[in-house]
Amino acid sequence: MRLGPDTETLVRLTAFIGVFVVLAVLEAVLPRRQRQVPRGRRWPANLGIVVLNSITLRLILPLSAMAAAGLAEARGWGLLSALGLDGWPAVLVAVLVLDLVVYWQHVTFHAVPALWRLHRMHHADLDFDVTTGLRFHPLEIVLSMAIKIAAVLALGASPVAVLVFEVLLNAAAMFNHSNLRLSARVDRWVRVVLVTPDMHRVHHSVDPAETHSNFGFSLSLWDRIWRSYRAWPAAGHRAMTIGLPYLRDPRELHLGRMLLQPFRRVR
């Protein structure tokens, strides 16, 4: 199936706006936690970084993940092509493998000090809502895209598979960062397959043992398989502190200071 750039942009933008609006409304109506910082102090920078990241990617990387998939498909590159796997089974395998790549990428960004300096901007948010799932440093976004392109070429994922993966990953990131209250029963059943807000919120705790757990973005099984799963924060979801033990000055929520965080020495 051929997907033009206009189709890709329309699908991704429509999905992004739709999921964002629905979650923003739901978390306002059914909040899990009381807000610690007003939206007006956090959202301008958190949403501004999305625009900046989009511009940065277009300026720095000549190839997108979709373009890489089109190239691999045209040249017959990748493991899936070598195995003769195509159609929707190939799409399913590609989506699963790419999600696993994102899991290990996330683990690596926590484990390597130089990469953690980039990634900690995501964790420095003083509250936890749908915009936190969009808050990543531009350099991390560029590195993440480079890893994704390499994975797409090695796997030989099709453009359809990459589009499905990108839409699901983006939607999952907003969902599991949302301040949405799910009943304990619903959360228990959903997290059998997907990462829920309560599951991922643990990852944004100031407690280092909790910060370095629950790395999955879409599927919860990776954390269970590699024993990085933590079911509940020690302080409970309502009492837990979001963020890092450092970078807690409210001025750090401004876009300029966010961009400089990886290059500043902090205690």
C-alpha atoms as a PDB file:
ATOM      1  CA  MET A   1       0.000   0.000   0.000  1.00  0.00           C
ATOM      2  CA  ARG A   2       1.418   3.360  -1.061  1.00  0.00           C
ATOM      3  CA  LEU A   3       1.154   6.249   1.382  1.00  0.00           C
ATOM      4  CA  GLY A   4       1.959   9.755   0.199  1.00  0.00           C
ATOM      5  CA  PRO A   5       3.393  12.405   2.542  1.00  0.00           C
ATOM      6  CA  ASP A   6       0.083  14.284   2.537  1.00  0.00           C
ATOM      7  CA  THR A   7      -1.780  11.168   3.697  1.00  0.00           C
ATOM      8  CA  GLU A   8       0.761  10.498   6.427  1.00  0.00           C
ATOM      9  CA  THR A   9       0.590  14.091   7.690  1.00  0.00           C
ATOM     10  CA  LEU A  10      -3.215  14.111   7.666  1.00  0.00           C
ATOM     11  CA  VAL A  11      -3.508  10.806   9.534  1.00  0.00           C
ATOM     12  CA  ARG A  12      -0.902  11.690  12.146  1.00  0.00           C
ATOM     13  CA  LEU A  13      -2.171  15.231  12.726  1.00  0.00           C
ATOM     14  CA  THR A  14      -5.810  14.130  12.948  1.00  0.00           C
ATOM     15  CA  ALA A  15      -4.943  11.359  15.403  1.00  0.00           C
ATOM     16  CA  PHE A  16      -2.757  13.669  17.478  1.00  0.00           C
ATOM     17  CA  ILE A  17      -5.318  16.447  17.780  1.00  0.00           C
ATOM     18  CA  GLY A  18      -8.185  14.027  18.393  1.00  0.00           C
ATOM     19  CA  VAL A  19      -6.424  12.062  21.134  1.00  0.00           C
ATOM     20  CA  PHE A  20      -5.020  15.209  22.749  1.00  0.00           C
ATOM     21  CA  VAL A  21      -8.375  16.994  22.918  1.00  0.00           C
ATOM     22  CA  VAL A  22     -10.228  13.929  24.246  1.00  0.00           C
ATOM     23  CA  LEU A  23      -7.636  13.275  26.960  1.00  0.00           C
ATOM     24  CA  ALA A  24      -7.339  16.950  27.927  1.00  0.00           C
ATOM     25  CA  VAL A  25     -11.093  17.086  28.469  1.00  0.00           C
ATOM     26  CA  LEU A  26     -11.307  13.740  30.273  1.00  0.00           C
ATOM     27  CA  GLU A  27      -8.460  14.496  32.678  1.00  0.00           C
ATOM     28  CA  ALA A  28     -10.120  17.815  33.523  1.00  0.00           C
ATOM     29  CA  VAL A  29     -13.435  16.071  34.224  1.00  0.00           C
ATOM     30  CA  LEU A  30     -12.020  12.909  35.851  1.00  0.00           C
ATOM     31  CA  PRO A  31      -8.659  13.903  37.375  1.00  0.00           C
ATOM     32  CA  ARG A  32      -6.593  11.264  39.165  1.00  0.00           C
ATOM     33  CA  ARG A  33      -4.614  13.790  41.203  1.00  0.00           C
ATOM     34  CA  GLN A  34      -5.054  17.402  42.183  1.00  0.00           C
ATOM     35  CA  ARG A  35      -2.925  19.641  39.994  1.00  0.00           C
ATOM     36  CA  GLN A  36       0.236  20.906  41.672  1.00  0.00           C
ATOM     37  CA  VAL A  37       0.993  23.500  38.981  1.00  0.00           C
ATOM     38  CA  PRO A  38      -1.667  25.293  36.881  1.00  0.00           C
ATOM     39  CA  ARG A  39      -1.899  24.377  33.210  1.00  0.00           C
ATOM     40  CA  GLY A  40      -1.133  27.969  32.263  1.00  0.00           C
ATOM     41  CA  ARG A  41       2.352  27.695  33.787  1.00  0.00           C
ATOM     42  CA  ARG A  42       3.255  24.376  32.172  1.00  0.00           C
ATOM     43  CA  TRP A  43       1.392  24.010  28.917  1.00  0.00           C
ATOM     44  CA  PRO A  44       2.975  26.884  26.886  1.00  0.00           C
ATOM     45  CA  ALA A  45       6.466  25.344  27.178  1.00  0.00           C
ATOM     46  CA  ASN A  46       5.282  21.725  26.949  1.00  0.00           C
ATOM     47  CA  LEU A  47       3.364  22.450  23.750  1.00  0.00           C
ATOM     48  CA  GLY A  48       5.999  24.852  22.450  1.00  0.00           C
ATOM     49  CA  ILE A  49       8.599  22.093  22.588  1.00  0.00           C
ATOM     50  CA  VAL A  50       6.404  20.003  20.248  1.00  0.00           C
ATOM     51  CA  VAL A  51       6.571  22.718  17.576  1.00  0.00           C
ATOM     52  CA  LEU A  52      10.302  23.172  18.106  1.00  0.00           C
ATOM     53  CA  ASN A  53      10.922  19.410  17.874  1.00  0.00           C
ATOM     54  CA  SER A  54       9.021  19.165  14.590  1.00  0.00           C
ATOM     55  CA  ILE A  55      11.090  21.981  13.072  1.00  0.00           C
ATOM     56  CA  THR A  56      14.357  20.528  14.417  1.00  0.00           C
ATOM     57  CA  LEU A  57      13.674  17.110  12.887  1.00  0.00           C
ATOM     58  CA  ARG A  58      12.995  18.592   9.467  1.00  0.00           C
ATOM     59  CA  LEU A  59      16.165  20.696   9.602  1.00  0.00           C
ATOM     60  CA  ILE A  60      18.583  18.057  10.920  1.00  0.00           C
ATOM     61  CA  LEU A  61      17.413  14.703   9.566  1.00  0.00           C
ATOM     62  CA  PRO A  62      16.935  14.402   5.794  1.00  0.00           C
ATOM     63  CA  LEU A  63      15.096  11.074   6.207  1.00  0.00           C
ATOM     64  CA  SER A  64      11.970  10.322   8.232  1.00  0.00           C
ATOM     65  CA  ALA A  65      10.964   6.897   9.530  1.00  0.00           C
ATOM     66  CA  MET A  66       8.243   6.749   6.859  1.00  0.00           C
ATOM     67  CA  ALA A  67      10.722   7.650   4.114  1.00  0.00           C
ATOM     68  CA  ALA A  68      13.115   4.990   5.428  1.00  0.00           C
ATOM     69  CA  ALA A  69      10.282   2.442   5.302  1.00  0.00           C
ATOM     70  CA  GLY A  70       9.503   3.395   1.709  1.00  0.00           C
ATOM     71  CA  LEU A  71      13.165   3.016   0.783  1.00  0.00           C
ATOM     72  CA  ALA A  72      13.428  -0.391   2.488  1.00  0.00           C
ATOM     73  CA  GLU A  73      10.255  -1.558   0.759  1.00  0.00           C
ATOM     74  CA  ALA A  74      11.451  -0.415  -2.664  1.00  0.00           C
ATOM     75  CA  ARG A  75      14.882  -2.059  -2.264  1.00  0.00           C
ATOM     76  CA  GLY A  76      13.673  -5.213  -0.528  1.00  0.00           C
ATOM     77  CA  TRP A  77      15.817  -4.515   2.525  1.00  0.00           C
ATOM     78  CA  GLY A  78      15.378  -5.872   6.026  1.00  0.00           C
ATOM     79  CA  LEU A  79      14.684  -8.987   8.046  1.00  0.00           C
ATOM     80  CA  LEU A  80      10.985  -9.206   7.192  1.00  0.00           C
ATOM     81  CA  SER A  81      11.761  -9.187   3.476  1.00  0.00           C
ATOM     82  CA  ALA A  82      14.422 -11.867   3.957  1.00  0.00           C
ATOM     83  CA  LEU A  83      11.891 -14.014   5.811  1.00  0.00           C
ATOM     84  CA  GLY A  84       9.282 -13.496   3.088  1.00  0.00           C
ATOM     85  CA  LEU A  85       6.792 -12.049   5.597  1.00  0.00           C
ATOM     86  CA  ASP A  86       4.359  -9.478   4.225  1.00  0.00           C
ATOM     87  CA  GLY A  87       0.823  -8.149   4.626  1.00  0.00           C
ATOM     88  CA  TRP A  88      -0.773  -7.616   8.019  1.00  0.00           C
ATOM     89  CA  PRO A  89       1.327 -10.304   9.778  1.00  0.00           C
ATOM     90  CA  ALA A  90       4.391  -8.269   8.803  1.00  0.00           C
ATOM     91  CA  VAL A  91       2.725  -5.087  10.082  1.00  0.00           C
ATOM     92  CA  LEU A  92       1.964  -6.730  13.424  1.00  0.00           C
ATOM     93  CA  VAL A  93       5.507  -8.065  13.828  1.00  0.00           C
ATOM     94  CA  ALA A  94       7.002  -4.692  12.870  1.00  0.00           C
ATOM     95  CA  VAL A  95       4.834  -2.799  15.364  1.00  0.00           C
ATOM     96  CA  LEU A  96       5.767  -5.221  18.168  1.00  0.00           C
ATOM     97  CA  VAL A  97       9.497  -5.101  17.376  1.00  0.00           C
ATOM     98  CA  LEU A  98       9.537  -1.307  17.080  1.00  0.00           C
ATOM     99  CA  ASP A  99       7.753  -1.026  20.424  1.00  0.00           C
ATOM    100  CA  LEU A 100      10.410  -3.269  21.952  1.00  0.00           C
ATOM    101  CA  VAL A 101      13.111  -1.024  20.443  1.00  0.00           C
ATOM    102  CA  VAL A 102      11.475   1.986  22.118  1.00  0.00           C
ATOM    103  CA  TYR A 103      11.472   0.116  25.454  1.00  0.00           C
ATOM    104  CA  TRP A 104      15.220  -0.599  25.267  1.00  0.00           C
ATOM    105  CA  GLN A 105      15.926   2.904  24.009  1.00  0.00           C
ATOM    106  CA  HIS A 106      14.153   4.244  27.085  1.00  0.00           C
ATOM    107  CA  VAL A 107      16.133   1.939  29.389  1.00  0.00           C
ATOM    108  CA  THR A 108      19.367   3.094  27.728  1.00  0.00           C
ATOM    109  CA  PHE A 109      18.515   6.791  28.111  1.00  0.00           C
ATOM    110  CA  HIS A 110      18.168   6.162  31.840  1.00  0.00           C
ATOM    111  CA  ALA A 111      21.339   4.087  32.131  1.00  0.00           C
ATOM    112  CA  VAL A 112      23.851   6.203  30.164  1.00  0.00           C
ATOM    113  CA  PRO A 113      24.697   9.478  31.982  1.00  0.00           C
ATOM    114  CA  ALA A 114      25.109  11.577  28.825  1.00  0.00           C
ATOM    115  CA  LEU A 115      21.735  10.395  27.502  1.00  0.00           C
ATOM    116  CA  TRP A 116      20.085  10.842  30.891  1.00  0.00           C
ATOM    117  CA  ARG A 117      21.074  14.519  30.829  1.00  0.00           C
ATOM    118  CA  LEU A 118      18.885  14.848  27.724  1.00  0.00           C
ATOM    119  CA  HIS A 119      16.064  12.651  28.957  1.00  0.00           C
ATOM    120  CA  ARG A 120      15.806  14.171  32.427  1.00  0.00           C
ATOM    121  CA  MET A 121      14.066  17.216  30.916  1.00  0.00           C
ATOM    122  CA  HIS A 122      11.086  14.919  30.393  1.00  0.00           C
ATOM    123  CA  HIS A 123      11.176  13.952  34.078  1.00  0.00           C
ATOM    124  CA  ALA A 124      11.680  17.511  35.336  1.00  0.00           C
ATOM    125  CA  ASP A 125       8.015  18.371  34.774  1.00  0.00           C
ATOM    126  CA  LEU A 126       6.525  19.232  38.169  1.00  0.00           C
ATOM    127  CA  ASP A 127       3.156  17.763  37.306  1.00  0.00           C
ATOM    128  CA  PHE A 128       1.877  14.880  35.220  1.00  0.00           C
ATOM    129  CA  ASP A 129      -0.692  15.253  32.472  1.00  0.00           C
ATOM    130  CA  VAL A 130      -1.240  14.735  28.755  1.00  0.00           C
ATOM    131  CA  THR A 131       1.369  17.374  27.819  1.00  0.00           C
ATOM    132  CA  THR A 132       4.088  15.591  29.817  1.00  0.00           C
ATOM    133  CA  GLY A 133       3.958  12.854  27.173  1.00  0.00           C
ATOM    134  CA  LEU A 134       5.043  15.438  24.575  1.00  0.00           C
ATOM    135  CA  ARG A 135       7.828  17.040  26.578  1.00  0.00           C
ATOM    136  CA  PHE A 136      11.169  15.796  25.189  1.00  0.00           C
ATOM    137  CA  HIS A 137      14.372  17.676  24.466  1.00  0.00           C
ATOM    138  CA  PRO A 138      14.986  18.306  20.716  1.00  0.00           C
ATOM    139  CA  LEU A 139      18.317  16.463  20.826  1.00  0.00           C
ATOM    140  CA  GLU A 140      16.612  13.429  22.351  1.00  0.00           C
ATOM    141  CA  ILE A 141      13.970  13.564  19.622  1.00  0.00           C
ATOM    142  CA  VAL A 142      16.690  13.617  16.935  1.00  0.00           C
ATOM    143  CA  LEU A 143      18.522  10.665  18.518  1.00  0.00           C
ATOM    144  CA  SER A 144      15.251   8.776  18.928  1.00  0.00           C
ATOM    145  CA  MET A 145      14.381   9.296  15.270  1.00  0.00           C
ATOM    146  CA  ALA A 146      17.842   8.130  14.186  1.00  0.00           C
ATOM    147  CA  ILE A 147      17.392   4.943  16.250  1.00  0.00           C
ATOM    148  CA  LYS A 148      13.923   4.462  14.797  1.00  0.00           C
ATOM    149  CA  ILE A 149      15.180   4.887  11.226  1.00  0.00           C
ATOM    150  CA  ALA A 150      17.943   2.338  11.832  1.00  0.00           C
ATOM    151  CA  ALA A 151      15.408  -0.113  13.280  1.00  0.00           C
ATOM    152  CA  VAL A 152      12.997   0.413  10.360  1.00  0.00           C
ATOM    153  CA  LEU A 153      15.753  -0.225   7.788  1.00  0.00           C
ATOM    154  CA  ALA A 154      17.087  -3.296   9.611  1.00  0.00           C
ATOM    155  CA  LEU A 155      13.610  -4.722  10.026  1.00  0.00           C
ATOM    156  CA  GLY A 156      12.317  -3.718   6.602  1.00  0.00           C
ATOM    157  CA  ALA A 157       9.111  -2.371   8.136  1.00  0.00           C
ATOM    158  CA  SER A 158       6.562  -1.168   5.590  1.00  0.00           C
ATOM    159  CA  PRO A 159       5.273   2.429   5.490  1.00  0.00           C
ATOM    160  CA  VAL A 160       1.880   1.186   6.718  1.00  0.00           C
ATOM    161  CA  ALA A 161       3.529  -0.515   9.713  1.00  0.00           C
ATOM    162  CA  VAL A 162       5.535   2.593  10.545  1.00  0.00           C
ATOM    163  CA  LEU A 163       2.456   4.815  10.313  1.00  0.00           C
ATOM    164  CA  VAL A 164       0.449   2.464  12.558  1.00  0.00           C
ATOM    165  CA  PHE A 165       3.340   2.342  15.024  1.00  0.00           C
ATOM    166  CA  GLU A 166       3.837   6.125  15.068  1.00  0.00           C
ATOM    167  CA  VAL A 167       0.131   6.820  15.627  1.00  0.00           C
ATOM    168  CA  LEU A 168      -0.150   4.184  18.375  1.00  0.00           C
ATOM    169  CA  LEU A 169       3.054   5.324  20.113  1.00  0.00           C
ATOM    170  CA  ASN A 170       2.007   8.965  20.096  1.00  0.00           C
ATOM    171  CA  ALA A 171      -1.498   8.143  21.345  1.00  0.00           C
ATOM    172  CA  ALA A 172      -0.130   5.787  24.012  1.00  0.00           C
ATOM    173  CA  ALA A 173       2.365   8.401  25.249  1.00  0.00           C
ATOM    174  CA  MET A 174      -0.424  10.950  25.725  1.00  0.00           C
ATOM    175  CA  PHE A 175      -2.748   8.370  27.309  1.00  0.00           C
ATOM    176  CA  ASN A 176      -0.291   6.957  29.825  1.00  0.00           C
ATOM    177  CA  HIS A 177       0.886  10.436  30.840  1.00  0.00           C
ATOM    178  CA  SER A 178      -2.639  11.750  31.292  1.00  0.00           C
ATOM    179  CA  ASN A 179      -4.048  12.708  34.669  1.00  0.00           C
ATOM    180  CA  LEU A 180      -7.045  10.502  33.952  1.00  0.00           C
ATOM    181  CA  ARG A 181      -8.754   8.571  36.716  1.00  0.00           C
ATOM    182  CA  LEU A 182      -9.532   4.985  35.801  1.00  0.00           C
ATOM    183  CA  SER A 183     -11.268   2.689  38.239  1.00  0.00           C
ATOM    184  CA  ALA A 184      -9.001   0.131  39.901  1.00  0.00           C
ATOM    185  CA  ARG A 185     -10.799  -2.643  38.063  1.00  0.00           C
ATOM    186  CA  VAL A 186     -10.469  -1.023  34.635  1.00  0.00           C
ATOM    187  CA  ASP A 187      -6.828  -0.163  35.271  1.00  0.00           C
ATOM    188  CA  ARG A 188      -6.065  -3.731  36.346  1.00  0.00           C
ATOM    189  CA  TRP A 189      -7.502  -5.184  33.137  1.00  0.00           C
ATOM    190  CA  VAL A 190      -6.105  -2.563  30.751  1.00  0.00           C
ATOM    191  CA  ARG A 191      -2.554  -2.810  32.098  1.00  0.00           C
ATOM    192  CA  VAL A 192      -2.471  -6.494  31.260  1.00  0.00           C
ATOM    193  CA  VAL A 193      -1.803  -5.278  27.710  1.00  0.00           C
ATOM    194  CA  LEU A 194      -1.282  -1.511  27.729  1.00  0.00           C
ATOM    195  CA  VAL A 195       0.640   0.907  29.915  1.00  0.00           C
ATOM    196  CA  THR A 196      -1.943   2.838  31.945  1.00  0.00           C
ATOM    197  CA  PRO A 197      -1.559   6.305  33.531  1.00  0.00           C
ATOM    198  CA  ASP A 198      -1.278   4.750  37.010  1.00  0.00           C
ATOM    199  CA  MET A 199       1.418   2.381  35.785  1.00  0.00           C
ATOM    200  CA  HIS A 200       3.500   5.042  34.057  1.00  0.00           C
ATOM    201  CA  ARG A 201       3.045   7.685  36.758  1.00  0.00           C
ATOM    202  CA  VAL A 202       5.271   5.529  38.975  1.00  0.00           C
ATOM    203  CA  HIS A 203       8.052   6.192  36.458  1.00  0.00           C
ATOM    204  CA  HIS A 204       7.758   9.941  37.160  1.00  0.00           C
ATOM    205  CA  SER A 205       8.226   9.644  40.920  1.00  0.00           C
ATOM    206  CA  VAL A 206      11.058  11.479  42.687  1.00  0.00           C
ATOM    207  CA  ASP A 207      12.050   8.144  44.242  1.00  0.00           C
ATOM    208  CA  PRO A 208      14.976   6.898  42.069  1.00  0.00           C
ATOM    209  CA  ALA A 209      13.929   3.262  42.449  1.00  0.00           C
ATOM    210  CA  GLU A 210      10.560   4.185  40.961  1.00  0.00           C
ATOM    211  CA  THR A 211      12.000   6.557  38.347  1.00  0.00           C
ATOM    212  CA  HIS A 212      14.028   3.681  36.922  1.00  0.00           C
ATOM    213  CA  SER A 213      11.072   1.339  36.473  1.00  0.00           C
ATOM    214  CA  ASN A 214       8.068   0.979  34.128  1.00  0.00           C
ATOM    215  CA  PHE A 215       9.906   1.972  30.953  1.00  0.00           C
ATOM    216  CA  GLY A 216       7.246   0.803  28.490  1.00  0.00           C
ATOM    217  CA  PHE A 217       5.323   3.342  26.432  1.00  0.00           C
ATOM    218  CA  SER A 218       2.664   1.235  24.723  1.00  0.00           C
ATOM    219  CA  LEU A 219       2.763  -2.414  25.784  1.00  0.00           C
ATOM    220  CA  SER A 220       3.182  -3.386  29.430  1.00  0.00           C
ATOM    221  CA  LEU A 221       4.621  -6.847  28.782  1.00  0.00           C
ATOM    222  CA  TRP A 222       8.199  -5.627  28.203  1.00  0.00           C
ATOM    223  CA  ASP A 223       8.486  -4.387  31.793  1.00  0.00           C
ATOM    224  CA  ARG A 224       7.126  -7.689  33.064  1.00  0.00           C
ATOM    225  CA  ILE A 225       9.480  -9.752  30.898  1.00  0.00           C
ATOM    226  CA  TRP A 226      12.615  -7.806  31.891  1.00  0.00           C
ATOM    227  CA  ARG A 227      11.524  -7.295  35.507  1.00  0.00           C
ATOM    228  CA  SER A 228      11.392  -3.517  35.432  1.00  0.00           C
ATOM    229  CA  TYR A 229       7.715  -3.523  36.409  1.00  0.00           C
ATOM    230  CA  ARG A 230       6.580  -1.747  39.556  1.00  0.00           C
ATOM    231  CA  ALA A 231       2.859  -1.866  40.257  1.00  0.00           C
ATOM    232  CA  TRP A 232       2.430   0.988  42.729  1.00  0.00           C
ATOM    233  CA  PRO A 233       4.348   4.002  44.098  1.00  0.00           C
ATOM    234  CA  ALA A 234       5.386   3.626  47.732  1.00  0.00           C
ATOM    235  CA  ALA A 235       3.660   6.890  48.720  1.00  0.00           C
ATOM    236  CA  GLY A 236       0.472   6.157  46.756  1.00  0.00           C
ATOM    237  CA  HIS A 237      -0.662   7.998  43.650  1.00  0.00           C
ATOM    238  CA  ARG A 238      -2.264  10.942  45.405  1.00  0.00           C
ATOM    239  CA  ALA A 239       0.601  11.607  47.826  1.00  0.00           C
ATOM    240  CA  MET A 240       3.582  10.819  45.577  1.00  0.00           C
ATOM    241  CA  THR A 241       5.817  13.654  44.391  1.00  0.00           C
ATOM    242  CA  ILE A 242       6.204  14.044  40.634  1.00  0.00           C
ATOM    243  CA  GLY A 243       9.495  15.065  39.048  1.00  0.00           C
ATOM    244  CA  LEU A 244      13.119  14.899  40.129  1.00  0.00           C
ATOM    245  CA  PRO A 245      14.667  15.640  43.529  1.00  0.00           C
ATOM    246  CA  TYR A 246      16.475  18.505  41.735  1.00  0.00           C
ATOM    247  CA  LEU A 247      15.325  20.950  39.021  1.00  0.00           C
ATOM    248  CA  ARG A 248      12.322  21.822  41.176  1.00  0.00           C
ATOM    249  CA  ASP A 249      12.472  25.583  40.777  1.00  0.00           C
ATOM    250  CA  PRO A 250       9.225  26.626  38.979  1.00  0.00           C
ATOM    251  CA  ARG A 251      11.377  28.734  36.650  1.00  0.00           C
ATOM    252  CA  GLU A 252      12.602  25.450  35.151  1.00  0.00           C
ATOM    253  CA  LEU A 253       9.168  25.147  33.505  1.00  0.00           C
ATOM    254  CA  HIS A 254      10.065  27.958  31.084  1.00  0.00           C
ATOM    255  CA  LEU A 255      11.013  26.832  27.585  1.00  0.00           C
ATOM    256  CA  GLY A 256      14.425  28.484  27.526  1.00  0.00           C
ATOM    257  CA  ARG A 257      15.539  26.901  30.789  1.00  0.00           C
ATOM    258  CA  MET A 258      14.150  23.524  29.690  1.00  0.00           C
ATOM    259  CA  LEU A 259      16.316  23.603  26.575  1.00  0.00           C
ATOM    260  CA  LEU A 260      19.428  24.413  28.606  1.00  0.00           C
ATOM    261  CA  GLN A 261      18.874  21.779  31.317  1.00  0.00           C
ATOM    262  CA  PRO A 262      21.107  19.098  29.724  1.00  0.00           C
ATOM    263  CA  PHE A 263      24.037  21.502  29.571  1.00  0.00           C
ATOM    264  CA  ARG A 264      23.824  22.850  33.116  1.00  0.00           C
ATOM    265  CA  ARG A 265      25.430  21.275  36.164  1.00  0.00           C
ATOM    266  CA  VAL A 266      22.765  20.503  38.752  1.00  0.00           C
ATOM    267  CA  ARG A 267      22.909  18.983  42.221  1.00  0.00           C
END
